[in-house]
Amino acid sequence: MTKRDIEERLHRQEMTYYVVFEGRVPGVYEEWEECKKQVHKFSGCYKGYPTRHEAVAKWRAHQVNKSKIKTFLVLSLLLTIVAAVLYFILV
């Protein structure tokens, strides 16, 4: 058994729920094997939590933050377009 296998086994014993933030299918998972399938070949995209409540709370917070970022980007793009149009109208 390699050091990585031992670390993985300890990790599975400590954490019961996993949040996949970026992967094939993001969400909350109860089984390490299912989480592992979702994050294979992705880097730093999941985290384990000892309780379902904690995992779901982190997932929801992540979704809210993602939504805020998208809103900010859309508003920034719209403001840039408006500024460009005004520039061409006024100049």
N, C-alpha and C. Protein backbone atom coordinates (compact mmCIF):
# COMPACT_ATOMS: atom_id res chain seq x y z
N MET A 1 0.85 -1.18 0.00
CA MET A 1 0.00 0.00 0.00
C MET A 1 0.90 1.24 0.00
N THR A 2 0.61 2.15 -0.92
CA THR A 2 1.43 3.35 -1.05
C THR A 2 0.98 4.42 -0.05
N LYS A 3 1.81 5.43 0.09
CA LYS A 3 1.48 6.54 0.99
C LYS A 3 0.20 7.22 0.54
N ARG A 4 0.03 7.36 -0.77
CA ARG A 4 -1.18 7.99 -1.31
C ARG A 4 -2.43 7.17 -0.96
N ASP A 5 -2.34 5.85 -1.04
CA ASP A 5 -3.47 4.98 -0.68
C ASP A 5 -3.84 5.15 0.79
N ILE A 6 -2.83 5.25 1.64
CA ILE A 6 -3.07 5.42 3.08
C ILE A 6 -3.74 6.77 3.34
N GLU A 7 -3.22 7.83 2.70
CA GLU A 7 -3.81 9.16 2.88
C GLU A 7 -5.25 9.18 2.39
N GLU A 8 -5.50 8.53 1.26
CA GLU A 8 -6.86 8.49 0.71
C GLU A 8 -7.81 7.74 1.65
N ARG A 9 -7.36 6.65 2.21
CA ARG A 9 -8.19 5.87 3.14
C ARG A 9 -8.50 6.68 4.40
N LEU A 10 -7.51 7.38 4.95
CA LEU A 10 -7.74 8.23 6.12
C LEU A 10 -8.71 9.35 5.80
N HIS A 11 -8.55 9.93 4.62
CA HIS A 11 -9.43 11.02 4.20
C HIS A 11 -10.88 10.54 4.12
N ARG A 12 -11.08 9.37 3.57
CA ARG A 12 -12.44 8.82 3.45
C ARG A 12 -13.05 8.56 4.81
N GLN A 13 -12.26 8.14 5.78
CA GLN A 13 -12.78 7.85 7.11
C GLN A 13 -13.17 9.12 7.85
N GLU A 14 -12.44 10.22 7.65
CA GLU A 14 -12.69 11.47 8.35
C GLU A 14 -13.87 12.23 7.77
N MET A 15 -14.01 12.21 6.45
CA MET A 15 -15.04 13.01 5.79
C MET A 15 -16.16 12.11 5.29
N THR A 16 -17.36 12.50 5.60
CA THR A 16 -18.52 11.72 5.20
C THR A 16 -19.18 12.29 3.96
N TYR A 17 -19.12 13.61 3.77
CA TYR A 17 -19.77 14.27 2.65
C TYR A 17 -18.75 15.08 1.87
N TYR A 18 -18.94 15.14 0.57
CA TYR A 18 -18.01 15.84 -0.30
C TYR A 18 -18.75 16.83 -1.18
N VAL A 19 -18.19 18.01 -1.34
CA VAL A 19 -18.76 19.00 -2.25
C VAL A 19 -17.83 19.10 -3.45
N VAL A 20 -18.37 18.83 -4.63
CA VAL A 20 -17.64 18.99 -5.88
C VAL A 20 -17.99 20.37 -6.41
N PHE A 21 -17.03 21.29 -6.33
CA PHE A 21 -17.25 22.66 -6.77
C PHE A 21 -17.10 22.78 -8.29
N GLU A 22 -16.09 22.12 -8.83
CA GLU A 22 -15.85 22.11 -10.27
C GLU A 22 -15.51 20.67 -10.65
N GLY A 23 -16.27 20.13 -11.58
CA GLY A 23 -16.03 18.75 -11.99
C GLY A 23 -17.03 18.37 -13.06
N ARG A 24 -17.16 17.07 -13.30
CA ARG A 24 -18.10 16.62 -14.32
C ARG A 24 -19.53 17.00 -13.94
N VAL A 25 -19.94 16.67 -12.72
CA VAL A 25 -21.28 17.03 -12.22
C VAL A 25 -21.11 17.61 -10.81
N PRO A 26 -21.02 18.94 -10.68
CA PRO A 26 -20.85 19.57 -9.37
C PRO A 26 -22.05 19.28 -8.45
N GLY A 27 -21.78 19.25 -7.15
CA GLY A 27 -22.85 19.02 -6.18
C GLY A 27 -22.31 18.40 -4.90
N VAL A 28 -23.21 17.87 -4.06
CA VAL A 28 -22.85 17.24 -2.79
C VAL A 28 -22.93 15.72 -2.96
N TYR A 29 -21.90 15.02 -2.51
CA TYR A 29 -21.83 13.56 -2.62
C TYR A 29 -21.56 12.93 -1.25
N GLU A 30 -22.17 11.78 -1.02
CA GLU A 30 -21.97 11.06 0.24
C GLU A 30 -20.87 10.01 0.14
N GLU A 31 -20.61 9.54 -1.06
CA GLU A 31 -19.61 8.48 -1.25
C GLU A 31 -18.36 9.03 -1.90
N TRP A 32 -17.20 8.66 -1.35
CA TRP A 32 -15.93 9.12 -1.89
C TRP A 32 -15.73 8.64 -3.33
N GLU A 33 -16.11 7.41 -3.62
CA GLU A 33 -15.90 6.87 -4.96
C GLU A 33 -16.68 7.68 -6.00
N GLU A 34 -17.90 8.09 -5.67
CA GLU A 34 -18.71 8.89 -6.60
C GLU A 34 -18.09 10.28 -6.77
N CYS A 35 -17.63 10.86 -5.66
CA CYS A 35 -16.96 12.17 -5.72
C CYS A 35 -15.71 12.07 -6.59
N LYS A 36 -14.96 11.02 -6.38
CA LYS A 36 -13.71 10.81 -7.12
C LYS A 36 -13.96 10.74 -8.63
N LYS A 37 -15.05 10.08 -9.03
CA LYS A 37 -15.40 10.01 -10.46
C LYS A 37 -15.67 11.40 -11.03
N GLN A 38 -16.26 12.27 -10.23
CA GLN A 38 -16.63 13.61 -10.70
C GLN A 38 -15.42 14.54 -10.83
N VAL A 39 -14.39 14.32 -10.02
CA VAL A 39 -13.25 15.25 -10.00
C VAL A 39 -11.99 14.70 -10.66
N HIS A 40 -12.06 13.49 -11.19
CA HIS A 40 -10.89 12.90 -11.85
C HIS A 40 -10.39 13.84 -12.96
N LYS A 41 -9.12 14.19 -12.90
CA LYS A 41 -8.43 15.08 -13.84
C LYS A 41 -8.82 16.55 -13.66
N PHE A 42 -9.45 16.88 -12.55
CA PHE A 42 -9.69 18.27 -12.18
C PHE A 42 -8.78 18.55 -10.99
N SER A 43 -8.42 19.80 -10.77
CA SER A 43 -7.48 20.12 -9.70
C SER A 43 -8.12 21.02 -8.64
N GLY A 44 -8.00 20.63 -7.38
CA GLY A 44 -8.47 21.46 -6.27
C GLY A 44 -9.92 21.86 -6.37
N CYS A 45 -10.77 20.94 -6.76
CA CYS A 45 -12.15 21.29 -7.08
C CYS A 45 -13.19 20.68 -6.14
N TYR A 46 -12.74 20.04 -5.05
CA TYR A 46 -13.69 19.44 -4.12
C TYR A 46 -13.17 19.60 -2.70
N LYS A 47 -14.06 19.39 -1.74
CA LYS A 47 -13.65 19.43 -0.34
C LYS A 47 -14.58 18.53 0.46
N GLY A 48 -14.02 17.86 1.46
CA GLY A 48 -14.80 16.98 2.31
C GLY A 48 -15.26 17.69 3.57
N TYR A 49 -16.43 17.29 4.06
CA TYR A 49 -17.01 17.86 5.29
C TYR A 49 -17.55 16.73 6.16
N PRO A 50 -17.49 16.91 7.48
CA PRO A 50 -17.94 15.84 8.39
C PRO A 50 -19.46 15.68 8.47
N THR A 51 -20.23 16.72 8.13
CA THR A 51 -21.68 16.62 8.22
C THR A 51 -22.33 17.05 6.91
N ARG A 52 -23.51 16.52 6.66
CA ARG A 52 -24.26 16.89 5.45
C ARG A 52 -24.66 18.37 5.51
N HIS A 53 -25.06 18.81 6.69
CA HIS A 53 -25.48 20.21 6.87
C HIS A 53 -24.36 21.16 6.44
N GLU A 54 -23.15 20.89 6.88
CA GLU A 54 -22.01 21.73 6.54
C GLU A 54 -21.71 21.69 5.04
N ALA A 55 -21.78 20.50 4.46
CA ALA A 55 -21.51 20.35 3.03
C ALA A 55 -22.54 21.11 2.19
N VAL A 56 -23.81 20.97 2.53
CA VAL A 56 -24.87 21.66 1.78
C VAL A 56 -24.74 23.17 1.94
N ALA A 57 -24.40 23.63 3.14
CA ALA A 57 -24.23 25.07 3.37
C ALA A 57 -23.10 25.62 2.50
N LYS A 58 -21.99 24.91 2.41
CA LYS A 58 -20.86 25.36 1.58
C LYS A 58 -21.24 25.34 0.10
N TRP A 59 -22.00 24.33 -0.33
CA TRP A 59 -22.43 24.24 -1.72
C TRP A 59 -23.33 25.42 -2.07
N ARG A 60 -24.28 25.72 -1.20
CA ARG A 60 -25.19 26.84 -1.45
C ARG A 60 -24.44 28.17 -1.48
N ALA A 61 -23.50 28.35 -0.57
CA ALA A 61 -22.70 29.58 -0.54
C ALA A 61 -21.90 29.71 -1.84
N HIS A 62 -21.37 28.61 -2.32
CA HIS A 62 -20.61 28.60 -3.57
C HIS A 62 -21.52 29.01 -4.73
N GLN A 63 -22.73 28.48 -4.76
CA GLN A 63 -23.67 28.81 -5.83
C GLN A 63 -24.04 30.29 -5.81
N VAL A 64 -24.26 30.84 -4.62
CA VAL A 64 -24.58 32.27 -4.49
C VAL A 64 -23.42 33.12 -4.98
N ASN A 65 -22.20 32.77 -4.58
CA ASN A 65 -21.02 33.53 -5.02
C ASN A 65 -20.85 33.46 -6.53
N LYS A 66 -21.09 32.28 -7.11
CA LYS A 66 -20.99 32.13 -8.55
C LYS A 66 -22.01 33.02 -9.26
N SER A 67 -23.20 33.07 -8.71
CA SER A 67 -24.27 33.90 -9.28
C SER A 67 -23.90 35.38 -9.20
N LYS A 68 -23.33 35.80 -8.08
CA LYS A 68 -22.92 37.20 -7.93
C LYS A 68 -21.84 37.56 -8.93
N ILE A 69 -20.91 36.67 -9.16
CA ILE A 69 -19.83 36.93 -10.11
C ILE A 69 -20.39 37.07 -11.52
N LYS A 70 -21.32 36.17 -11.89
CA LYS A 70 -21.92 36.26 -13.22
C LYS A 70 -22.67 37.58 -13.38
N THR A 71 -23.42 37.98 -12.36
CA THR A 71 -24.16 39.24 -12.41
C THR A 71 -23.20 40.41 -12.58
N PHE A 72 -22.11 40.40 -11.83
CA PHE A 72 -21.11 41.46 -11.93
C PHE A 72 -20.52 41.52 -13.34
N LEU A 73 -20.20 40.37 -13.91
CA LEU A 73 -19.62 40.35 -15.25
C LEU A 73 -20.59 40.87 -16.30
N VAL A 74 -21.85 40.48 -16.19
CA VAL A 74 -22.86 40.95 -17.15
C VAL A 74 -23.03 42.46 -17.03
N LEU A 75 -23.13 42.97 -15.80
CA LEU A 75 -23.28 44.41 -15.61
C LEU A 75 -22.05 45.17 -16.11
N SER A 76 -20.88 44.63 -15.88
CA SER A 76 -19.66 45.27 -16.38
C SER A 76 -19.66 45.34 -17.90
N LEU A 77 -20.07 44.27 -18.54
CA LEU A 77 -20.14 44.24 -20.00
C LEU A 77 -21.15 45.26 -20.51
N LEU A 78 -22.31 45.31 -19.88
CA LEU A 78 -23.33 46.28 -20.30
C LEU A 78 -22.85 47.72 -20.13
N LEU A 79 -22.20 48.00 -19.03
CA LEU A 79 -21.67 49.36 -18.81
C LEU A 79 -20.61 49.71 -19.84
N THR A 80 -19.79 48.76 -20.22
CA THR A 80 -18.77 48.99 -21.23
C THR A 80 -19.42 49.30 -22.57
N ILE A 81 -20.46 48.56 -22.91
CA ILE A 81 -21.17 48.80 -24.17
C ILE A 81 -21.83 50.18 -24.17
N VAL A 82 -22.48 50.53 -23.08
CA VAL A 82 -23.13 51.83 -22.97
C VAL A 82 -22.09 52.95 -23.08
N ALA A 83 -20.97 52.78 -22.41
CA ALA A 83 -19.91 53.80 -22.48
C ALA A 83 -19.39 53.95 -23.91
N ALA A 84 -19.21 52.83 -24.61
CA ALA A 84 -18.73 52.88 -25.99
C ALA A 84 -19.74 53.58 -26.90
N VAL A 85 -21.02 53.26 -26.74
CA VAL A 85 -22.06 53.89 -27.55
C VAL A 85 -22.10 55.39 -27.29
N LEU A 86 -22.08 55.78 -26.02
CA LEU A 86 -22.08 57.20 -25.67
C LEU A 86 -20.86 57.91 -26.23
N TYR A 87 -19.73 57.27 -26.19
CA TYR A 87 -18.52 57.87 -26.73
C TYR A 87 -18.68 58.17 -28.22
N PHE A 88 -19.20 57.19 -28.96
CA PHE A 88 -19.35 57.39 -30.40
C PHE A 88 -20.45 58.42 -30.73
N ILE A 89 -21.46 58.52 -29.89
CA ILE A 89 -22.52 59.50 -30.10
C ILE A 89 -22.01 60.92 -29.82
N LEU A 90 -21.25 61.06 -28.75
CA LEU A 90 -20.80 62.38 -28.32
C LEU A 90 -19.55 62.86 -29.03
N VAL A 91 -18.79 61.99 -29.60
CA VAL A 91 -17.52 62.41 -30.24
C VAL A 91 -17.67 62.57 -31.71
